[in-house]
Amino acid sequence: MLTEPELYFIEPQDKAIISGPVKVVFGLKDFGVAPAGYNINNTGHHHLLINVDFPIDFTKPIPADSNHIHFGKGQTETILDLPKGEYRLRLLLGNYVHIPHSNPIYSEEILITVN
């Protein structure tokens, strides 16, 4: 039986209250990670969405700005220096040209507070 890929946060946990820089660790199950530009079946690379409303247009490349952070080298974690406040975070996997897969793979949204 085939299982659906799962994208999730290892860190931080939902509703976490964090002081200082925010360490974000991405989790991915039943799918692979490959850098942007490499068209390899059943792989993609991570994008971190900050305070982005869903749904988005999954047929277009994921924007690259302060709310859509690309990890095109295949990174699986990052450190964010966010100002104090509340944030909604979601992970979205993109293919080799930063477009979500035909069956989009994204995480549940989590909420964090930076104090």
N, C-alpha and C. Protein backbone atom coordinates (compact mmCIF):
# COMPACT_ATOMS: atom_id res chain seq x y z
N MET A 1 0.85 -1.19 0.00
CA MET A 1 0.00 0.00 0.00
C MET A 1 0.89 1.25 0.00
N LEU A 2 0.64 2.14 -0.92
CA LEU A 2 1.40 3.38 -0.99
C LEU A 2 0.90 4.37 0.06
N THR A 3 1.84 5.08 0.65
CA THR A 3 1.44 6.10 1.62
C THR A 3 1.68 7.47 1.00
N GLU A 4 0.90 8.42 1.42
CA GLU A 4 1.04 9.80 0.96
C GLU A 4 2.23 10.44 1.66
N PRO A 5 2.99 11.25 0.93
CA PRO A 5 4.09 11.98 1.58
C PRO A 5 3.54 12.89 2.68
N GLU A 6 4.36 13.10 3.69
CA GLU A 6 3.96 13.96 4.81
C GLU A 6 5.07 14.98 5.07
N LEU A 7 4.67 16.25 5.14
CA LEU A 7 5.58 17.35 5.41
C LEU A 7 5.15 17.95 6.75
N TYR A 8 6.12 18.16 7.65
CA TYR A 8 5.77 18.59 9.01
C TYR A 8 6.95 19.31 9.64
N PHE A 9 6.67 19.96 10.77
CA PHE A 9 7.70 20.64 11.55
C PHE A 9 8.21 19.69 12.63
N ILE A 10 9.52 19.54 12.72
CA ILE A 10 10.13 18.87 13.86
C ILE A 10 10.30 19.89 14.98
N GLU A 11 10.77 21.07 14.63
CA GLU A 11 10.89 22.23 15.52
C GLU A 11 10.45 23.45 14.75
N PRO A 12 9.83 24.41 15.36
CA PRO A 12 9.28 24.43 16.71
C PRO A 12 7.94 23.69 16.75
N GLN A 13 7.46 23.50 17.93
CA GLN A 13 6.16 22.88 18.12
C GLN A 13 5.07 23.95 17.98
N ASP A 14 3.88 23.51 17.61
CA ASP A 14 2.73 24.42 17.51
C ASP A 14 2.50 25.11 18.86
N LYS A 15 2.25 26.39 18.82
CA LYS A 15 1.96 27.24 19.98
C LYS A 15 3.19 27.49 20.85
N ALA A 16 4.38 27.25 20.30
CA ALA A 16 5.62 27.49 21.06
C ALA A 16 5.80 28.99 21.30
N ILE A 17 6.37 29.30 22.46
CA ILE A 17 6.78 30.67 22.81
C ILE A 17 8.30 30.64 22.84
N ILE A 18 8.91 31.48 21.99
CA ILE A 18 10.34 31.39 21.75
C ILE A 18 11.01 32.73 22.02
N SER A 19 12.13 32.69 22.70
CA SER A 19 12.95 33.89 22.90
C SER A 19 14.16 33.80 21.97
N GLY A 20 14.48 34.90 21.32
CA GLY A 20 15.68 34.91 20.48
C GLY A 20 15.44 34.29 19.12
N PRO A 21 16.50 33.92 18.43
CA PRO A 21 16.35 33.32 17.10
C PRO A 21 15.50 32.05 17.16
N VAL A 22 14.78 31.79 16.08
CA VAL A 22 13.88 30.63 15.99
C VAL A 22 14.54 29.56 15.13
N LYS A 23 14.81 28.41 15.73
CA LYS A 23 15.32 27.28 14.96
C LYS A 23 14.13 26.54 14.37
N VAL A 24 14.17 26.34 13.05
CA VAL A 24 13.10 25.62 12.36
C VAL A 24 13.72 24.40 11.70
N VAL A 25 13.17 23.23 12.01
CA VAL A 25 13.64 21.97 11.44
C VAL A 25 12.47 21.34 10.70
N PHE A 26 12.71 20.98 9.43
CA PHE A 26 11.68 20.45 8.56
C PHE A 26 11.69 18.93 8.59
N GLY A 27 10.51 18.33 8.59
CA GLY A 27 10.39 16.89 8.50
C GLY A 27 9.65 16.50 7.23
N LEU A 28 10.09 15.42 6.60
CA LEU A 28 9.47 14.93 5.36
C LEU A 28 9.50 13.41 5.38
N LYS A 29 8.34 12.81 5.13
CA LYS A 29 8.22 11.36 5.17
C LYS A 29 7.71 10.86 3.81
N ASP A 30 8.30 9.78 3.33
CA ASP A 30 7.88 9.11 2.09
C ASP A 30 8.04 9.98 0.84
N PHE A 31 9.08 10.83 0.83
CA PHE A 31 9.42 11.67 -0.32
C PHE A 31 10.86 12.09 -0.11
N GLY A 32 11.54 12.49 -1.16
CA GLY A 32 12.94 12.86 -1.05
C GLY A 32 13.17 14.35 -1.20
N VAL A 33 14.34 14.80 -0.77
CA VAL A 33 14.75 16.19 -0.90
C VAL A 33 15.85 16.25 -1.96
N ALA A 34 15.68 17.18 -2.91
CA ALA A 34 16.69 17.42 -3.94
C ALA A 34 16.78 18.93 -4.17
N PRO A 35 17.95 19.44 -4.46
CA PRO A 35 18.09 20.87 -4.72
C PRO A 35 17.26 21.32 -5.92
N ALA A 36 16.91 22.59 -5.94
CA ALA A 36 16.23 23.17 -7.10
C ALA A 36 17.08 22.94 -8.33
N GLY A 37 16.44 22.74 -9.46
CA GLY A 37 17.15 22.52 -10.70
C GLY A 37 17.38 21.06 -11.04
N TYR A 38 17.18 20.16 -10.08
CA TYR A 38 17.36 18.73 -10.30
C TYR A 38 15.99 18.07 -10.43
N ASN A 39 15.65 17.64 -11.63
CA ASN A 39 14.35 17.04 -11.90
C ASN A 39 14.42 15.53 -11.63
N ILE A 40 14.25 15.17 -10.36
CA ILE A 40 14.33 13.78 -9.91
C ILE A 40 12.95 13.38 -9.38
N ASN A 41 12.45 12.25 -9.87
CA ASN A 41 11.12 11.79 -9.44
C ASN A 41 11.03 11.70 -7.92
N ASN A 42 9.85 12.04 -7.40
CA ASN A 42 9.52 11.90 -5.98
C ASN A 42 10.46 12.68 -5.07
N THR A 43 10.90 13.84 -5.54
CA THR A 43 11.70 14.74 -4.71
C THR A 43 11.21 16.17 -4.88
N GLY A 44 11.65 17.01 -3.99
CA GLY A 44 11.38 18.44 -4.05
C GLY A 44 12.27 19.14 -3.05
N HIS A 45 12.04 20.44 -2.88
CA HIS A 45 12.79 21.19 -1.87
C HIS A 45 11.82 22.05 -1.08
N HIS A 46 12.26 22.43 0.10
CA HIS A 46 11.40 23.10 1.07
C HIS A 46 11.25 24.60 0.79
N HIS A 47 10.06 25.09 1.15
CA HIS A 47 9.76 26.52 1.18
C HIS A 47 9.05 26.76 2.51
N LEU A 48 9.48 27.77 3.23
CA LEU A 48 8.85 28.13 4.50
C LEU A 48 7.97 29.34 4.25
N LEU A 49 6.69 29.19 4.54
CA LEU A 49 5.73 30.28 4.36
C LEU A 49 5.45 30.90 5.73
N ILE A 50 5.61 32.20 5.81
CA ILE A 50 5.39 32.93 7.06
C ILE A 50 4.22 33.88 6.86
N ASN A 51 3.15 33.67 7.65
CA ASN A 51 1.95 34.50 7.59
C ASN A 51 1.37 34.57 6.19
N VAL A 52 1.32 33.43 5.51
CA VAL A 52 0.77 33.35 4.16
C VAL A 52 -0.58 32.65 4.24
N ASP A 53 -1.62 33.30 3.68
CA ASP A 53 -2.95 32.70 3.66
C ASP A 53 -3.04 31.59 2.64
N PHE A 54 -3.72 30.52 2.99
CA PHE A 54 -3.99 29.41 2.08
C PHE A 54 -5.45 29.45 1.70
N PRO A 55 -5.85 28.95 0.56
CA PRO A 55 -4.99 28.32 -0.43
C PRO A 55 -4.25 29.35 -1.27
N ILE A 56 -3.18 28.88 -1.92
CA ILE A 56 -2.45 29.70 -2.88
C ILE A 56 -2.58 29.03 -4.25
N ASP A 57 -2.14 29.69 -5.30
CA ASP A 57 -2.19 29.10 -6.63
C ASP A 57 -1.04 28.10 -6.77
N PHE A 58 -1.38 26.82 -6.73
CA PHE A 58 -0.37 25.76 -6.79
C PHE A 58 0.18 25.53 -8.20
N THR A 59 -0.35 26.25 -9.20
CA THR A 59 0.13 26.07 -10.58
C THR A 59 1.26 27.03 -10.92
N LYS A 60 1.55 27.97 -10.03
CA LYS A 60 2.59 28.97 -10.29
C LYS A 60 3.78 28.77 -9.36
N PRO A 61 4.97 29.25 -9.78
CA PRO A 61 6.13 29.16 -8.89
C PRO A 61 5.87 29.87 -7.57
N ILE A 62 6.42 29.33 -6.51
CA ILE A 62 6.30 29.93 -5.19
C ILE A 62 7.12 31.21 -5.18
N PRO A 63 6.53 32.34 -4.76
CA PRO A 63 7.29 33.60 -4.75
C PRO A 63 8.52 33.48 -3.84
N ALA A 64 9.46 34.37 -4.05
CA ALA A 64 10.66 34.44 -3.19
C ALA A 64 10.67 35.83 -2.57
N ASP A 65 10.27 35.90 -1.30
CA ASP A 65 10.26 37.16 -0.57
C ASP A 65 10.34 36.85 0.92
N SER A 66 10.15 37.84 1.76
CA SER A 66 10.31 37.63 3.20
C SER A 66 9.22 36.74 3.79
N ASN A 67 8.14 36.49 3.05
CA ASN A 67 7.08 35.59 3.53
C ASN A 67 7.14 34.21 2.90
N HIS A 68 7.95 34.06 1.86
CA HIS A 68 8.12 32.79 1.15
C HIS A 68 9.62 32.54 1.05
N ILE A 69 10.17 31.78 1.98
CA ILE A 69 11.62 31.57 2.05
C ILE A 69 11.97 30.24 1.37
N HIS A 70 12.84 30.32 0.38
CA HIS A 70 13.24 29.15 -0.41
C HIS A 70 14.47 28.48 0.19
N PHE A 71 14.48 27.16 0.12
CA PHE A 71 15.61 26.35 0.56
C PHE A 71 16.03 25.46 -0.61
N GLY A 72 16.40 26.13 -1.71
CA GLY A 72 16.69 25.48 -2.97
C GLY A 72 17.96 24.67 -3.01
N LYS A 73 18.78 24.74 -1.98
CA LYS A 73 19.98 23.89 -1.93
C LYS A 73 19.69 22.55 -1.27
N GLY A 74 18.43 22.36 -0.86
CA GLY A 74 18.05 21.11 -0.22
C GLY A 74 18.16 21.16 1.30
N GLN A 75 18.26 22.36 1.86
CA GLN A 75 18.39 22.48 3.31
C GLN A 75 17.14 21.93 4.01
N THR A 76 17.35 21.44 5.22
CA THR A 76 16.25 20.87 6.00
C THR A 76 16.08 21.56 7.36
N GLU A 77 16.78 22.66 7.56
CA GLU A 77 16.60 23.46 8.77
C GLU A 77 17.14 24.86 8.54
N THR A 78 16.73 25.78 9.42
CA THR A 78 17.18 27.16 9.33
C THR A 78 17.06 27.83 10.69
N ILE A 79 17.68 28.97 10.81
CA ILE A 79 17.52 29.85 11.98
C ILE A 79 16.91 31.15 11.48
N LEU A 80 15.80 31.56 12.08
CA LEU A 80 15.13 32.80 11.71
C LEU A 80 15.31 33.84 12.79
N ASP A 81 15.61 35.04 12.41
CA ASP A 81 15.70 36.16 13.34
C ASP A 81 14.44 37.00 13.15
N LEU A 82 13.37 36.59 13.84
CA LEU A 82 12.07 37.26 13.69
C LEU A 82 11.86 38.28 14.80
N PRO A 83 11.29 39.44 14.47
CA PRO A 83 10.93 40.40 15.52
C PRO A 83 9.87 39.80 16.45
N LYS A 84 9.74 40.39 17.62
CA LYS A 84 8.72 39.93 18.56
C LYS A 84 7.36 39.98 17.89
N GLY A 85 6.55 38.96 18.18
CA GLY A 85 5.20 38.91 17.61
C GLY A 85 4.73 37.48 17.42
N GLU A 86 3.55 37.38 16.83
CA GLU A 86 2.94 36.08 16.56
C GLU A 86 3.08 35.78 15.08
N TYR A 87 3.36 34.50 14.77
CA TYR A 87 3.60 34.09 13.40
C TYR A 87 2.88 32.79 13.08
N ARG A 88 2.42 32.70 11.84
CA ARG A 88 1.86 31.46 11.31
C ARG A 88 2.90 30.89 10.34
N LEU A 89 3.30 29.64 10.55
CA LEU A 89 4.31 29.00 9.72
C LEU A 89 3.72 27.77 9.04
N ARG A 90 4.11 27.58 7.78
CA ARG A 90 3.70 26.39 7.02
C ARG A 90 4.84 26.03 6.08
N LEU A 91 5.03 24.76 5.85
CA LEU A 91 6.01 24.27 4.87
C LEU A 91 5.28 23.85 3.60
N LEU A 92 5.91 24.14 2.46
CA LEU A 92 5.37 23.76 1.16
C LEU A 92 6.52 23.23 0.32
N LEU A 93 6.36 22.04 -0.23
CA LEU A 93 7.41 21.46 -1.07
C LEU A 93 7.23 21.95 -2.50
N GLY A 94 8.32 22.32 -3.11
CA GLY A 94 8.31 22.73 -4.51
C GLY A 94 9.13 21.77 -5.35
N ASN A 95 8.81 21.71 -6.65
CA ASN A 95 9.59 20.85 -7.53
C ASN A 95 10.87 21.57 -7.97
N TYR A 96 11.52 21.05 -8.98
CA TYR A 96 12.82 21.58 -9.39
C TYR A 96 12.77 23.01 -9.90
N VAL A 97 11.58 23.51 -10.26
CA VAL A 97 11.43 24.90 -10.70
C VAL A 97 10.53 25.70 -9.75
N HIS A 98 10.46 25.28 -8.49
CA HIS A 98 9.76 25.99 -7.42
C HIS A 98 8.23 26.00 -7.56
N ILE A 99 7.69 25.08 -8.34
CA ILE A 99 6.24 24.96 -8.46
C ILE A 99 5.80 23.80 -7.58
N PRO A 100 4.71 23.97 -6.78
CA PRO A 100 4.23 22.83 -6.00
C PRO A 100 3.90 21.64 -6.91
N HIS A 101 4.03 20.45 -6.38
CA HIS A 101 3.75 19.23 -7.13
C HIS A 101 2.27 19.19 -7.53
N SER A 102 1.94 18.36 -8.53
CA SER A 102 0.55 18.29 -9.00
C SER A 102 -0.39 17.87 -7.87
N ASN A 103 0.11 17.06 -6.95
CA ASN A 103 -0.61 16.76 -5.71
C ASN A 103 0.19 17.47 -4.61
N PRO A 104 -0.15 18.75 -4.30
CA PRO A 104 0.70 19.58 -3.42
C PRO A 104 1.00 18.91 -2.08
N ILE A 105 2.24 19.09 -1.65
CA ILE A 105 2.69 18.53 -0.37
C ILE A 105 2.99 19.71 0.55
N TYR A 106 2.19 19.86 1.59
CA TYR A 106 2.39 20.96 2.52
C TYR A 106 2.03 20.51 3.93
N SER A 107 2.59 21.24 4.90
CA SER A 107 2.37 20.90 6.30
C SER A 107 1.11 21.57 6.83
N GLU A 108 0.72 21.14 7.99
CA GLU A 108 -0.28 21.88 8.75
C GLU A 108 0.35 23.21 9.16
N GLU A 109 -0.45 24.22 9.33
CA GLU A 109 0.06 25.50 9.81
C GLU A 109 0.28 25.42 11.32
N ILE A 110 1.40 25.98 11.77
CA ILE A 110 1.63 26.08 13.21
C ILE A 110 1.70 27.57 13.58
N LEU A 111 1.43 27.83 14.84
CA LEU A 111 1.50 29.19 15.38
C LEU A 111 2.63 29.26 16.39
N ILE A 112 3.43 30.33 16.28
CA ILE A 112 4.47 30.54 17.28
C ILE A 112 4.43 31.98 17.74
N THR A 113 4.96 32.21 18.92
CA THR A 113 5.11 33.56 19.45
C THR A 113 6.57 33.79 19.77
N VAL A 114 7.12 34.89 19.26
CA VAL A 114 8.50 35.27 19.56
C VAL A 114 8.42 36.40 20.56
N ASN A 115 9.11 36.23 21.72
CA ASN A 115 9.07 37.30 22.74
C ASN A 115 10.44 37.77 23.12
